[in-house]
């Protein structure tokens, strides 16, 4: 278990991405570009839980606790390297009851076991991050299944602070669409393959 507190999150995929990204870069200082591939393990019918293999090696699980206006409130439940700890295996078994999670000794083994039980989506990300004053922001370009889109994302424990930032950037008219929703949305990453 992470011990990290819940946080409010907002991610949008604007058509006028470059304009919004420039506005964001003029307000906040961003670090160097980093690249990473995450593998999302989408459980059918479960939009409240988002498991992924961060960088393809560490299993993470986030739980959506609810919403406040445009913001979603997420709790980072665990972030475990392999082999997985018993509490993480128990949570994974609850999410995917048709697989033998006790045999998941590696990321590759987990992916093999989940084939057919989960929609497994590999997302290549190139992003720049800002962290300061309790706010985390990122400018990301993502590619999945040959489709590429760009997003702006924000995380903060303080909903009022995050609302203020979104308002100041002129993003209040955009939908909040987390990665799980974006991977299921045919307008973004093609939805769940048939």
Protein backbone atom coordinates (compact mmCIF):
# COMPACT_ATOMS: atom_id res chain seq x y z
CA UNK A 1 0.00 0.00 0.00
CA UNK A 2 1.34 3.44 -0.88
CA UNK A 3 0.36 5.49 2.17
CA UNK A 4 -0.09 8.43 -0.22
CA UNK A 5 -3.16 10.59 0.37
CA UNK A 6 -5.99 10.86 -2.17
CA UNK A 7 -5.64 13.67 -4.68
CA UNK A 8 -7.83 15.54 -7.10
CA UNK A 9 -6.99 15.08 -10.77
CA UNK A 10 -7.90 16.70 -14.06
CA UNK A 11 -6.73 15.52 -17.50
CA UNK A 12 -7.94 16.96 -20.78
CA UNK A 13 -7.16 16.17 -24.40
CA UNK A 14 -7.79 19.56 -26.08
CA UNK A 15 -8.06 20.06 -29.83
CA UNK A 16 -6.14 23.35 -29.42
CA UNK A 17 -3.41 21.54 -27.49
CA UNK A 18 -0.48 23.74 -28.58
CA UNK A 19 -2.28 26.93 -27.51
CA UNK A 20 -3.17 25.52 -24.10
CA UNK A 21 0.31 24.00 -23.62
CA UNK A 22 1.99 27.35 -24.34
CA UNK A 23 -0.32 29.06 -21.85
CA UNK A 24 0.52 26.44 -19.23
CA UNK A 25 4.28 26.75 -19.90
CA UNK A 26 4.04 30.52 -19.42
CA UNK A 27 2.55 30.01 -15.93
CA UNK A 28 4.62 27.11 -14.60
CA UNK A 29 8.23 25.91 -14.88
CA UNK A 30 8.57 22.48 -16.50
CA UNK A 31 11.44 20.02 -16.33
CA UNK A 32 13.11 18.01 -19.04
CA UNK A 33 11.20 15.67 -21.32
CA UNK A 34 10.95 12.06 -20.19
CA UNK A 35 9.69 9.04 -22.11
CA UNK A 36 8.04 5.95 -20.67
CA UNK A 37 5.71 3.16 -21.73
CA UNK A 38 2.88 2.22 -19.38
CA UNK A 39 0.69 -0.83 -19.84
CA UNK A 40 -2.92 -0.35 -18.73
CA UNK A 41 -4.87 -3.41 -17.60
CA UNK A 42 -8.50 -2.38 -18.09
CA UNK A 43 -11.05 -4.57 -16.34
CA UNK A 44 -14.39 -4.89 -18.15
CA UNK A 45 -17.06 -2.76 -16.49
CA UNK A 46 -14.66 -1.21 -13.94
CA UNK A 47 -14.00 2.46 -14.52
CA UNK A 48 -13.42 3.14 -10.83
CA UNK A 49 -10.15 1.18 -10.66
CA UNK A 50 -7.14 1.74 -12.90
CA UNK A 51 -4.34 -0.83 -12.75
CA UNK A 52 -1.23 -0.31 -14.85
CA UNK A 53 2.32 -1.50 -15.21
CA UNK A 54 4.30 1.75 -14.81
CA UNK A 55 7.24 1.60 -17.14
CA UNK A 56 6.20 -1.99 -17.77
CA UNK A 57 7.70 -3.17 -14.47
CA UNK A 58 5.86 -1.81 -11.38
CA UNK A 59 2.18 -2.64 -10.84
CA UNK A 60 0.13 0.33 -9.67
CA UNK A 61 -3.53 0.57 -8.77
CA UNK A 62 -5.54 3.76 -8.39
CA UNK A 63 -9.14 3.91 -7.15
CA UNK A 64 -11.53 6.70 -8.09
CA UNK A 65 -13.27 7.88 -4.93
CA UNK A 66 -15.68 10.30 -6.58
CA UNK A 67 -15.88 13.67 -8.24
CA UNK A 68 -16.15 17.34 -7.29
CA UNK A 69 -17.21 19.52 -10.19
CA UNK A 70 -14.74 18.91 -13.03
CA UNK A 71 -12.28 17.11 -10.76
CA UNK A 72 -11.98 13.40 -10.05
CA UNK A 73 -10.63 12.27 -6.68
CA UNK A 74 -8.23 9.32 -6.93
CA UNK A 75 -6.45 7.30 -4.28
CA UNK A 76 -3.14 5.58 -5.12
CA UNK A 77 -3.83 2.17 -3.55
CA UNK A 78 -0.49 0.48 -4.22
CA UNK A 79 2.67 0.65 -6.28
CA UNK A 80 4.54 -2.65 -6.08
CA UNK A 81 7.52 -4.17 -7.87
CA UNK A 82 7.42 -7.89 -8.65
CA UNK A 83 7.00 -10.29 -7.02
CA UNK A 84 3.80 -8.68 -5.73
CA UNK A 85 3.02 -8.43 -2.03
CA UNK A 86 0.12 -10.50 -0.66
CA UNK A 87 -2.26 -7.50 -0.12
CA UNK A 88 -1.73 -6.41 -3.73
CA UNK A 89 -2.38 -9.94 -4.99
CA UNK A 90 -5.64 -10.01 -3.01
CA UNK A 91 -6.81 -6.73 -4.56
CA UNK A 92 -5.81 -7.93 -8.02
CA UNK A 93 -7.75 -11.19 -7.53
CA UNK A 94 -10.84 -9.15 -6.63
CA UNK A 95 -10.52 -7.13 -9.81
CA UNK A 96 -9.80 -10.14 -12.06
CA UNK A 97 -11.46 -13.13 -10.33
CA UNK A 98 -10.96 -15.48 -13.29
CA UNK A 99 -7.16 -15.55 -13.12
CA UNK A 100 -4.75 -17.17 -10.70
CA UNK A 101 -2.97 -14.11 -9.36
CA UNK A 102 -0.72 -16.21 -7.13
CA UNK A 103 1.17 -17.25 -10.27
CA UNK A 104 1.90 -13.62 -11.26
CA UNK A 105 5.62 -13.58 -10.49
CA UNK A 106 6.58 -11.09 -13.23
CA UNK A 107 5.02 -8.37 -15.39
CA UNK A 108 5.14 -10.70 -18.42
CA UNK A 109 3.45 -13.47 -16.47
CA UNK A 110 0.71 -11.06 -15.33
CA UNK A 111 0.09 -9.91 -18.90
CA UNK A 112 -0.14 -13.50 -20.11
CA UNK A 113 -2.54 -14.43 -17.31
CA UNK A 114 -4.73 -11.38 -17.99
CA UNK A 115 -4.97 -11.98 -21.75
CA UNK A 116 -8.70 -12.33 -22.41
CA UNK A 117 -9.68 -11.11 -18.94
CA UNK A 118 -8.47 -7.52 -19.41
CA UNK A 119 -8.08 -5.05 -22.22
CA UNK A 120 -4.30 -4.65 -22.20
CA UNK A 121 -3.25 -1.33 -23.73
CA UNK A 122 0.36 -0.20 -24.17
CA UNK A 123 0.72 3.59 -24.05
CA UNK A 124 3.96 5.29 -25.05
CA UNK A 125 4.27 8.67 -23.34
CA UNK A 126 6.55 11.63 -23.78
CA UNK A 127 5.99 14.22 -21.09
CA UNK A 128 7.27 17.19 -19.18
CA UNK A 129 6.33 17.73 -15.53
CA UNK A 130 5.99 20.61 -13.09
CA UNK A 131 5.93 20.00 -9.35
CA UNK A 132 5.62 22.81 -6.83
CA UNK A 133 3.35 24.40 -4.22
CA UNK A 134 1.34 21.17 -3.89
CA UNK A 135 0.52 21.10 -7.60
CA UNK A 136 1.73 18.60 -10.16
CA UNK A 137 1.15 19.38 -13.83
CA UNK A 138 2.21 17.57 -16.97
CA UNK A 139 2.23 18.13 -20.69
CA UNK A 140 2.02 14.75 -22.39
CA UNK A 141 2.00 13.27 -25.87
CA UNK A 142 0.69 9.71 -25.86
CA UNK A 143 0.47 6.99 -28.49
CA UNK A 144 -1.55 3.77 -28.35
CA UNK A 145 -2.44 1.35 -31.14
CA UNK A 146 -1.12 3.75 -33.79
CA UNK A 147 -3.18 6.72 -32.57
CA UNK A 148 -1.52 9.76 -31.02
CA UNK A 149 -3.06 12.47 -28.83
CA UNK A 150 -1.79 15.11 -26.44
CA UNK A 151 -3.04 15.97 -22.97
CA UNK A 152 -2.61 18.39 -20.11
CA UNK A 153 -2.95 16.95 -16.62
CA UNK A 154 -3.00 18.23 -13.06
CA UNK A 155 -2.95 16.63 -9.60
CA UNK A 156 -3.38 18.32 -6.23
CA UNK A 157 -4.65 17.38 -2.79
CA UNK A 158 -6.39 20.78 -2.58
CA UNK A 159 -9.47 20.89 -4.85
CA UNK A 160 -9.83 24.67 -4.59
CA UNK A 161 -6.22 25.22 -5.69
CA UNK A 162 -6.70 22.88 -8.64
CA UNK A 163 -10.01 24.51 -9.63
CA UNK A 164 -8.26 27.89 -9.59
CA UNK A 165 -5.47 26.66 -11.86
CA UNK A 166 -7.90 25.11 -14.35
CA UNK A 167 -9.94 28.33 -14.40
CA UNK A 168 -6.84 30.53 -14.86
CA UNK A 169 -5.77 28.40 -17.83
CA UNK A 170 -9.17 28.57 -19.50
CA UNK A 171 -9.70 24.81 -19.33
CA UNK A 172 -13.09 24.78 -17.55
CA UNK A 173 -14.97 24.09 -20.79
CA UNK A 174 -13.04 20.87 -21.43
CA UNK A 175 -13.96 17.39 -20.25
CA UNK A 176 -11.91 15.62 -17.58
CA UNK A 177 -10.89 12.35 -19.21
CA UNK A 178 -8.47 10.04 -17.34
CA UNK A 179 -6.36 7.45 -19.17
CA UNK A 180 -8.85 4.65 -18.55
CA UNK A 181 -11.65 6.69 -20.11
CA UNK A 182 -9.41 7.90 -22.96
CA UNK A 183 -8.40 4.32 -23.82
CA UNK A 184 -12.08 3.34 -23.98
CA UNK A 185 -13.13 6.43 -26.00
CA UNK A 186 -13.34 5.79 -29.76
CA UNK A 187 -12.63 9.49 -30.41
CA UNK A 188 -9.26 9.22 -28.65
CA UNK A 189 -7.58 5.82 -28.63
CA UNK A 190 -10.12 3.74 -30.49
CA UNK A 191 -12.05 2.21 -27.61
CA UNK A 192 -11.84 -1.41 -26.53
CA UNK A 193 -11.08 -3.64 -29.53
CA UNK A 194 -13.87 -6.06 -30.47
